[in-house]
Amino acid sequence: MAIPFQRATVLQVFTVLPLILAGMPVYAEDAESGHWWSGISITPGIGWRALNIDMTNSAGDANLQTDFASSLFGALDIESPRYKLSDNLSVSVLGHASTVRATEQWVVDGSGTGGRQSLGTSISGHYSYLAPALTWGARQPAGTGLELSLGVGTWSGQFSGDAIFAPNNQANASMPHTPLSVSFKELGYDTRFSLYFGRWAWVMTVGGPFKFSNQGVKYQFQQVALIVGYEFRL
């Protein structure tokens, strides 16, 4: 049984933002050197996320999640030089890499009430993606401003750890742990709202959802993250 992932409010925000940003000019970096790499953006940072990894096998269901407040992770964003389609729209390629760790499992009791619990299970690993993206933006020459990017591309990564599978997520710590080790490469989306103050970036991103199967386990991955980073431009 899949666990509902509450992101309706986030998606509503992303639905309205294009209308707000449509009339704003795209930020363009001066590329006087003429080199092919001029305009590449590199942004290392740290972030917090609500991560949901839903799994199903023949024994039942398991769902590993993170607590947003304690889910600190490292991230790296790379963006290609932008090609302007109009004064307020550009296209580029976004690259992203980050670490993953989830240590709480969703558990449903006999009354049907669910919540995150520590059962001694965990999943850790990393993932990255490369996604062509459209960007609406409003950045001043110094870099300050707002941007909204919508991208679809290939997500790849590797996770390992363990989980307790039980019918309808009715797991408890005394049940056997199932070891997990999986690599994946799947198509997924990335939607991000970025607020810049000079070179400092505050980025809210919604990623996934995508599904894949490995060694008899069906997976679904999705996340909402808040990342703080510092932007460097070549």
C-alpha atoms as a PDB file:
ATOM      1  CA  MET A   1       0.000   0.000   0.000  1.00  0.00           C
ATOM      2  CA  ALA A   2       1.584   3.258  -1.120  1.00  0.00           C
ATOM      3  CA  ILE A   3       1.886   6.092   1.399  1.00  0.00           C
ATOM      4  CA  PRO A   4       0.320   9.387   0.247  1.00  0.00           C
ATOM      5  CA  PHE A   5       2.996  12.037  -0.259  1.00  0.00           C
ATOM      6  CA  GLN A   6       1.710  15.444   0.826  1.00  0.00           C
ATOM      7  CA  ARG A   7       2.965  18.041  -1.659  1.00  0.00           C
ATOM      8  CA  ALA A   8      -0.270  19.638  -2.915  1.00  0.00           C
ATOM      9  CA  THR A   9       0.623  23.068  -1.509  1.00  0.00           C
ATOM     10  CA  VAL A  10       4.061  22.966  -3.149  1.00  0.00           C
ATOM     11  CA  LEU A  11       2.555  22.083  -6.526  1.00  0.00           C
ATOM     12  CA  GLN A  12       0.002  24.886  -6.200  1.00  0.00           C
ATOM     13  CA  VAL A  13       2.848  27.343  -5.653  1.00  0.00           C
ATOM     14  CA  PHE A  14       4.677  26.075  -8.720  1.00  0.00           C
ATOM     15  CA  THR A  15       1.477  26.384 -10.771  1.00  0.00           C
ATOM     16  CA  VAL A  16       1.104  30.092  -9.932  1.00  0.00           C
ATOM     17  CA  LEU A  17       4.770  31.108 -10.181  1.00  0.00           C
ATOM     18  CA  PRO A  18       5.048  30.952 -14.022  1.00  0.00           C
ATOM     19  CA  LEU A  19       2.282  33.550 -14.259  1.00  0.00           C
ATOM     20  CA  ILE A  20       4.170  35.843 -11.869  1.00  0.00           C
ATOM     21  CA  LEU A  21       7.533  35.388 -13.602  1.00  0.00           C
ATOM     22  CA  ALA A  22       6.311  35.455 -17.213  1.00  0.00           C
ATOM     23  CA  GLY A  23       6.842  39.188 -17.627  1.00  0.00           C
ATOM     24  CA  MET A  24      10.278  39.305 -16.002  1.00  0.00           C
ATOM     25  CA  PRO A  25      13.571  39.308 -17.938  1.00  0.00           C
ATOM     26  CA  VAL A  26      15.967  36.351 -17.865  1.00  0.00           C
ATOM     27  CA  TYR A  27      19.232  36.892 -16.014  1.00  0.00           C
ATOM     28  CA  ALA A  28      22.193  36.667 -18.420  1.00  0.00           C
ATOM     29  CA  GLU A  29      25.830  36.362 -17.359  1.00  0.00           C
ATOM     30  CA  ASP A  30      28.376  38.402 -19.305  1.00  0.00           C
ATOM     31  CA  ALA A  31      30.527  35.984 -21.326  1.00  0.00           C
ATOM     32  CA  GLU A  32      33.219  38.255 -22.752  1.00  0.00           C
ATOM     33  CA  SER A  33      35.863  35.519 -22.877  1.00  0.00           C
ATOM     34  CA  GLY A  34      34.008  33.654 -25.620  1.00  0.00           C
ATOM     35  CA  HIS A  35      35.014  30.234 -24.255  1.00  0.00           C
ATOM     36  CA  TRP A  36      32.490  27.383 -24.567  1.00  0.00           C
ATOM     37  CA  TRP A  37      32.372  27.046 -20.786  1.00  0.00           C
ATOM     38  CA  SER A  38      31.516  30.707 -20.176  1.00  0.00           C
ATOM     39  CA  GLY A  39      28.239  30.902 -18.265  1.00  0.00           C
ATOM     40  CA  ILE A  40      28.426  27.462 -16.611  1.00  0.00           C
ATOM     41  CA  SER A  41      27.012  27.668 -13.076  1.00  0.00           C
ATOM     42  CA  ILE A  42      28.330  25.505 -10.204  1.00  0.00           C
ATOM     43  CA  THR A  43      26.471  25.642  -6.862  1.00  0.00           C
ATOM     44  CA  PRO A  44      27.593  23.476  -3.913  1.00  0.00           C
ATOM     45  CA  GLY A  45      25.263  23.501  -0.923  1.00  0.00           C
ATOM     46  CA  ILE A  46      23.535  21.763   1.943  1.00  0.00           C
ATOM     47  CA  GLY A  47      19.862  20.969   2.285  1.00  0.00           C
ATOM     48  CA  TRP A  48      16.945  19.454   4.143  1.00  0.00           C
ATOM     49  CA  ARG A  49      14.395  17.155   2.521  1.00  0.00           C
ATOM     50  CA  ALA A  50      11.165  15.242   2.908  1.00  0.00           C
ATOM     51  CA  LEU A  51      12.109  11.958   1.216  1.00  0.00           C
ATOM     52  CA  ASN A  52       9.753   9.083   0.477  1.00  0.00           C
ATOM     53  CA  ILE A  53      10.963   5.655  -0.728  1.00  0.00           C
ATOM     54  CA  ASP A  54       7.990   3.315  -1.108  1.00  0.00           C
ATOM     55  CA  MET A  55       8.695  -0.424  -1.602  1.00  0.00           C
ATOM     56  CA  THR A  56       6.614  -3.554  -2.205  1.00  0.00           C
ATOM     57  CA  ASN A  57       7.558  -7.232  -2.452  1.00  0.00           C
ATOM     58  CA  SER A  58       5.824 -10.576  -1.965  1.00  0.00           C
ATOM     59  CA  ALA A  59       5.903 -10.171   1.851  1.00  0.00           C
ATOM     60  CA  GLY A  60       4.144  -6.808   1.891  1.00  0.00           C
ATOM     61  CA  ASP A  61       5.031  -3.140   1.944  1.00  0.00           C
ATOM     62  CA  ALA A  62       7.769  -0.947   3.403  1.00  0.00           C
ATOM     63  CA  ASN A  63       8.215   2.804   3.313  1.00  0.00           C
ATOM     64  CA  LEU A  64      11.381   4.631   4.398  1.00  0.00           C
ATOM     65  CA  GLN A  65      11.119   8.363   5.050  1.00  0.00           C
ATOM     66  CA  THR A  66      13.122  11.244   6.468  1.00  0.00           C
ATOM     67  CA  ASP A  67      12.245  13.768   9.123  1.00  0.00           C
ATOM     68  CA  PHE A  68      12.731  17.176   7.475  1.00  0.00           C
ATOM     69  CA  ALA A  69      14.322  18.838  10.504  1.00  0.00           C
ATOM     70  CA  SER A  70      17.053  16.187  10.865  1.00  0.00           C
ATOM     71  CA  SER A  71      17.611  15.299   7.200  1.00  0.00           C
ATOM     72  CA  LEU A  72      20.710  17.416   6.457  1.00  0.00           C
ATOM     73  CA  PHE A  73      22.459  16.372   3.229  1.00  0.00           C
ATOM     74  CA  GLY A  74      25.111  17.624   0.826  1.00  0.00           C
ATOM     75  CA  ALA A  75      24.261  18.659  -2.746  1.00  0.00           C
ATOM     76  CA  LEU A  76      25.942  19.918  -5.914  1.00  0.00           C
ATOM     77  CA  ASP A  77      24.159  21.663  -8.805  1.00  0.00           C
ATOM     78  CA  ILE A  78      25.722  22.334 -12.215  1.00  0.00           C
ATOM     79  CA  GLU A  79      23.982  24.217 -15.022  1.00  0.00           C
ATOM     80  CA  SER A  80      25.105  24.612 -18.616  1.00  0.00           C
ATOM     81  CA  PRO A  81      25.231  28.029 -20.310  1.00  0.00           C
ATOM     82  CA  ARG A  82      21.703  29.215 -21.111  1.00  0.00           C
ATOM     83  CA  TYR A  83      20.201  29.688 -24.558  1.00  0.00           C
ATOM     84  CA  LYS A  84      17.622  32.451 -24.576  1.00  0.00           C
ATOM     85  CA  LEU A  85      14.330  31.645 -26.294  1.00  0.00           C
ATOM     86  CA  SER A  86      12.863  35.074 -25.479  1.00  0.00           C
ATOM     87  CA  ASP A  87      13.374  37.941 -23.063  1.00  0.00           C
ATOM     88  CA  ASN A  88      11.768  35.945 -20.270  1.00  0.00           C
ATOM     89  CA  LEU A  89      12.525  32.323 -21.142  1.00  0.00           C
ATOM     90  CA  SER A  90      15.695  30.273 -21.534  1.00  0.00           C
ATOM     91  CA  VAL A  91      16.739  26.642 -21.901  1.00  0.00           C
ATOM     92  CA  SER A  92      19.720  24.860 -20.349  1.00  0.00           C
ATOM     93  CA  VAL A  93      20.803  21.504 -18.923  1.00  0.00           C
ATOM     94  CA  LEU A  94      20.658  21.011 -15.144  1.00  0.00           C
ATOM     95  CA  GLY A  95      22.893  18.544 -13.328  1.00  0.00           C
ATOM     96  CA  HIS A  96      22.365  17.615  -9.683  1.00  0.00           C
ATOM     97  CA  ALA A  97      23.983  15.188  -7.238  1.00  0.00           C
ATOM     98  CA  SER A  98      23.228  14.553  -3.565  1.00  0.00           C
ATOM     99  CA  THR A  99      23.486  12.031  -0.779  1.00  0.00           C
ATOM    100  CA  VAL A 100      20.520  10.098   0.648  1.00  0.00           C
ATOM    101  CA  ARG A 101      19.832   8.648   4.093  1.00  0.00           C
ATOM    102  CA  ALA A 102      16.469   7.562   5.501  1.00  0.00           C
ATOM    103  CA  THR A 103      16.247   5.988   8.972  1.00  0.00           C
ATOM    104  CA  GLU A 104      12.527   6.029   9.809  1.00  0.00           C
ATOM    105  CA  GLN A 105       9.910   3.612   8.503  1.00  0.00           C
ATOM    106  CA  TRP A 106       6.204   4.308   8.045  1.00  0.00           C
ATOM    107  CA  VAL A 107       4.213   2.006  10.340  1.00  0.00           C
ATOM    108  CA  VAL A 108       0.439   1.475  10.431  1.00  0.00           C
ATOM    109  CA  ASP A 109      -1.152   0.092  13.602  1.00  0.00           C
ATOM    110  CA  GLY A 110      -4.209  -2.133  13.919  1.00  0.00           C
ATOM    111  CA  SER A 111      -6.586   0.846  13.870  1.00  0.00           C
ATOM    112  CA  GLY A 112      -5.184   2.057  10.550  1.00  0.00           C
ATOM    113  CA  THR A 113      -3.276   5.015  12.026  1.00  0.00           C
ATOM    114  CA  GLY A 114       0.174   5.540  10.533  1.00  0.00           C
ATOM    115  CA  GLY A 115       3.333   7.369  11.517  1.00  0.00           C
ATOM    116  CA  ARG A 116       7.136   7.313  11.194  1.00  0.00           C
ATOM    117  CA  GLN A 117       9.010   5.065  13.618  1.00  0.00           C
ATOM    118  CA  SER A 118      12.612   3.966  14.146  1.00  0.00           C
ATOM    119  CA  LEU A 119      12.634   0.173  13.684  1.00  0.00           C
ATOM    120  CA  GLY A 120      16.394  -0.161  13.223  1.00  0.00           C
ATOM    121  CA  THR A 121      16.013  -0.026   9.431  1.00  0.00           C
ATOM    122  CA  SER A 122      17.730   2.440   7.128  1.00  0.00           C
ATOM    123  CA  ILE A 123      18.632   3.208   3.520  1.00  0.00           C
ATOM    124  CA  SER A 124      21.622   5.278   2.432  1.00  0.00           C
ATOM    125  CA  GLY A 125      23.292   6.084  -0.850  1.00  0.00           C
ATOM    126  CA  HIS A 126      23.401   8.768  -3.510  1.00  0.00           C
ATOM    127  CA  TYR A 127      21.713   9.842  -6.713  1.00  0.00           C
ATOM    128  CA  SER A 128      22.199  12.308  -9.550  1.00  0.00           C
ATOM    129  CA  TYR A 129      20.280  13.514 -12.565  1.00  0.00           C
ATOM    130  CA  LEU A 130      20.817  15.341 -15.846  1.00  0.00           C
ATOM    131  CA  ALA A 131      17.762  17.212 -17.133  1.00  0.00           C
ATOM    132  CA  PRO A 132      17.110  19.652 -19.998  1.00  0.00           C
ATOM    133  CA  ALA A 133      15.113  22.481 -18.401  1.00  0.00           C
ATOM    134  CA  LEU A 134      13.096  25.579 -19.199  1.00  0.00           C
ATOM    135  CA  THR A 135      13.664  28.563 -16.895  1.00  0.00           C
ATOM    136  CA  TRP A 136      11.599  31.676 -16.254  1.00  0.00           C
ATOM    137  CA  GLY A 137      13.775  34.179 -14.439  1.00  0.00           C
ATOM    138  CA  ALA A 138      14.211  37.647 -13.016  1.00  0.00           C
ATOM    139  CA  ARG A 139      17.845  38.233 -12.012  1.00  0.00           C
ATOM    140  CA  GLN A 140      19.707  41.491 -11.912  1.00  0.00           C
ATOM    141  CA  PRO A 141      23.248  41.777 -13.362  1.00  0.00           C
ATOM    142  CA  ALA A 142      24.633  41.122  -9.864  1.00  0.00           C
ATOM    143  CA  GLY A 143      22.609  37.884  -9.725  1.00  0.00           C
ATOM    144  CA  THR A 144      19.841  38.789  -7.265  1.00  0.00           C
ATOM    145  CA  GLY A 145      16.327  37.665  -8.233  1.00  0.00           C
ATOM    146  CA  LEU A 146      13.848  34.816  -8.723  1.00  0.00           C
ATOM    147  CA  GLU A 147      13.785  31.819 -11.070  1.00  0.00           C
ATOM    148  CA  LEU A 148      11.497  28.901 -11.803  1.00  0.00           C
ATOM    149  CA  SER A 149      12.862  25.863 -13.669  1.00  0.00           C
ATOM    150  CA  LEU A 150      11.043  22.817 -15.030  1.00  0.00           C
ATOM    151  CA  GLY A 151      13.185  19.882 -16.168  1.00  0.00           C
ATOM    152  CA  VAL A 152      12.773  16.247 -17.208  1.00  0.00           C
ATOM    153  CA  GLY A 153      15.711  13.884 -17.508  1.00  0.00           C
ATOM    154  CA  THR A 154      17.547  10.777 -16.381  1.00  0.00           C
ATOM    155  CA  TRP A 155      17.940  10.046 -12.673  1.00  0.00           C
ATOM    156  CA  SER A 156      20.550   7.482 -11.643  1.00  0.00           C
ATOM    157  CA  GLY A 157      21.780   6.323  -8.269  1.00  0.00           C
ATOM    158  CA  GLN A 158      22.502   3.584  -5.788  1.00  0.00           C
ATOM    159  CA  PHE A 159      20.902   2.741  -2.419  1.00  0.00           C
ATOM    160  CA  SER A 160      21.635   0.047   0.134  1.00  0.00           C
ATOM    161  CA  GLY A 161      20.366  -0.846   3.581  1.00  0.00           C
ATOM    162  CA  ASP A 162      17.428  -2.821   4.925  1.00  0.00           C
ATOM    163  CA  ALA A 163      13.678  -2.613   5.534  1.00  0.00           C
ATOM    164  CA  ILE A 164      10.897  -4.577   7.229  1.00  0.00           C
ATOM    165  CA  PHE A 165       8.185  -5.661   4.778  1.00  0.00           C
ATOM    166  CA  ALA A 166       4.714  -6.333   6.183  1.00  0.00           C
ATOM    167  CA  PRO A 167       1.158  -6.404   4.790  1.00  0.00           C
ATOM    168  CA  ASN A 168      -0.280  -2.868   4.692  1.00  0.00           C
ATOM    169  CA  ASN A 169       2.856  -1.465   6.387  1.00  0.00           C
ATOM    170  CA  GLN A 170       1.939  -3.105   9.727  1.00  0.00           C
ATOM    171  CA  ALA A 171       5.573  -3.691  10.666  1.00  0.00           C
ATOM    172  CA  ASN A 172       7.250  -3.965  14.055  1.00  0.00           C
ATOM    173  CA  ALA A 173      10.876  -4.149  15.159  1.00  0.00           C
ATOM    174  CA  SER A 174      10.714  -7.907  15.931  1.00  0.00           C
ATOM    175  CA  MET A 175      10.046  -8.816  12.286  1.00  0.00           C
ATOM    176  CA  PRO A 176      12.905  -9.948  10.023  1.00  0.00           C
ATOM    177  CA  HIS A 177      14.878  -7.286   8.158  1.00  0.00           C
ATOM    178  CA  THR A 178      15.228  -7.615   4.379  1.00  0.00           C
ATOM    179  CA  PRO A 179      18.609  -6.439   3.006  1.00  0.00           C
ATOM    180  CA  LEU A 180      18.405  -4.048   0.045  1.00  0.00           C
ATOM    181  CA  SER A 181      20.951  -3.064  -2.577  1.00  0.00           C
ATOM    182  CA  VAL A 182      19.779  -1.379  -5.752  1.00  0.00           C
ATOM    183  CA  SER A 183      21.076   0.690  -8.651  1.00  0.00           C
ATOM    184  CA  PHE A 184      18.710   2.542 -10.947  1.00  0.00           C
ATOM    185  CA  LYS A 185      18.506   4.787 -14.011  1.00  0.00           C
ATOM    186  CA  GLU A 186      15.028   6.172 -14.659  1.00  0.00           C
ATOM    187  CA  LEU A 187      13.225   9.124 -16.224  1.00  0.00           C
ATOM    188  CA  GLY A 188      12.005  11.705 -13.690  1.00  0.00           C
ATOM    189  CA  TYR A 189      11.247  15.408 -13.334  1.00  0.00           C
ATOM    190  CA  ASP A 190      12.741  18.259 -11.347  1.00  0.00           C
ATOM    191  CA  THR A 191      10.737  21.386 -10.525  1.00  0.00           C
ATOM    192  CA  ARG A 192      12.583  24.105  -8.652  1.00  0.00           C
ATOM    193  CA  PHE A 193      11.919  27.604  -7.339  1.00  0.00           C
ATOM    194  CA  SER A 194      15.141  29.557  -6.720  1.00  0.00           C
ATOM    195  CA  LEU A 195      15.619  32.771  -4.768  1.00  0.00           C
ATOM    196  CA  TYR A 196      19.010  34.473  -5.187  1.00  0.00           C
ATOM    197  CA  PHE A 197      20.717  37.154  -3.114  1.00  0.00           C
ATOM    198  CA  GLY A 198      23.839  37.869  -5.121  1.00  0.00           C
ATOM    199  CA  ARG A 199      25.558  34.488  -5.340  1.00  0.00           C
ATOM    200  CA  TRP A 200      23.656  32.906  -2.446  1.00  0.00           C
ATOM    201  CA  ALA A 201      20.865  30.594  -3.584  1.00  0.00           C
ATOM    202  CA  TRP A 202      17.814  29.318  -1.689  1.00  0.00           C
ATOM    203  CA  VAL A 203      16.281  26.534  -3.789  1.00  0.00           C
ATOM    204  CA  MET A 204      13.054  24.606  -3.194  1.00  0.00           C
ATOM    205  CA  THR A 205      12.869  21.534  -5.406  1.00  0.00           C
ATOM    206  CA  VAL A 206      10.292  18.780  -6.047  1.00  0.00           C
ATOM    207  CA  GLY A 207      11.823  15.660  -7.632  1.00  0.00           C
ATOM    208  CA  GLY A 208      10.599  12.320  -8.973  1.00  0.00           C
ATOM    209  CA  PRO A 209       8.333  10.512  -8.767  1.00  0.00           C
ATOM    210  CA  PHE A 210       9.636   7.513 -10.640  1.00  0.00           C
ATOM    211  CA  LYS A 211       9.141   3.779 -10.300  1.00  0.00           C
ATOM    212  CA  PHE A 212      11.442   0.829 -10.930  1.00  0.00           C
ATOM    213  CA  SER A 213      11.876  -2.826  -9.930  1.00  0.00           C
ATOM    214  CA  ASN A 214      14.944  -4.684  -8.727  1.00  0.00           C
ATOM    215  CA  GLN A 215      15.359  -8.233  -7.352  1.00  0.00           C
ATOM    216  CA  GLY A 216      11.654  -8.711  -6.712  1.00  0.00           C
ATOM    217  CA  VAL A 217      11.137  -5.319  -5.019  1.00  0.00           C
ATOM    218  CA  LYS A 218       9.097  -2.503  -6.581  1.00  0.00           C
ATOM    219  CA  TYR A 219      10.314   0.990  -5.673  1.00  0.00           C
ATOM    220  CA  GLN A 220       8.848   4.484  -5.915  1.00  0.00           C
ATOM    221  CA  PHE A 221      11.022   7.507  -5.113  1.00  0.00           C
ATOM    222  CA  GLN A 222      10.011  11.159  -4.606  1.00  0.00           C
ATOM    223  CA  GLN A 223      11.182  14.143  -2.568  1.00  0.00           C
ATOM    224  CA  VAL A 224      10.702  17.786  -1.639  1.00  0.00           C
ATOM    225  CA  ALA A 225      13.923  19.559  -0.613  1.00  0.00           C
ATOM    226  CA  LEU A 226      15.168  22.963   0.503  1.00  0.00           C
ATOM    227  CA  ILE A 227      18.791  23.673  -0.454  1.00  0.00           C
ATOM    228  CA  VAL A 228      21.063  26.591   0.473  1.00  0.00           C
ATOM    229  CA  GLY A 229      24.098  27.034  -1.754  1.00  0.00           C
ATOM    230  CA  TYR A 230      26.681  29.469  -3.144  1.00  0.00           C
ATOM    231  CA  GLU A 231      26.849  29.953  -6.912  1.00  0.00           C
ATOM    232  CA  PHE A 232      30.047  30.154  -8.941  1.00  0.00           C
ATOM    233  CA  ARG A 233      29.972  31.124 -12.647  1.00  0.00           C
ATOM    234  CA  LEU A 234      32.765  30.379 -15.102  1.00  0.00           C
END
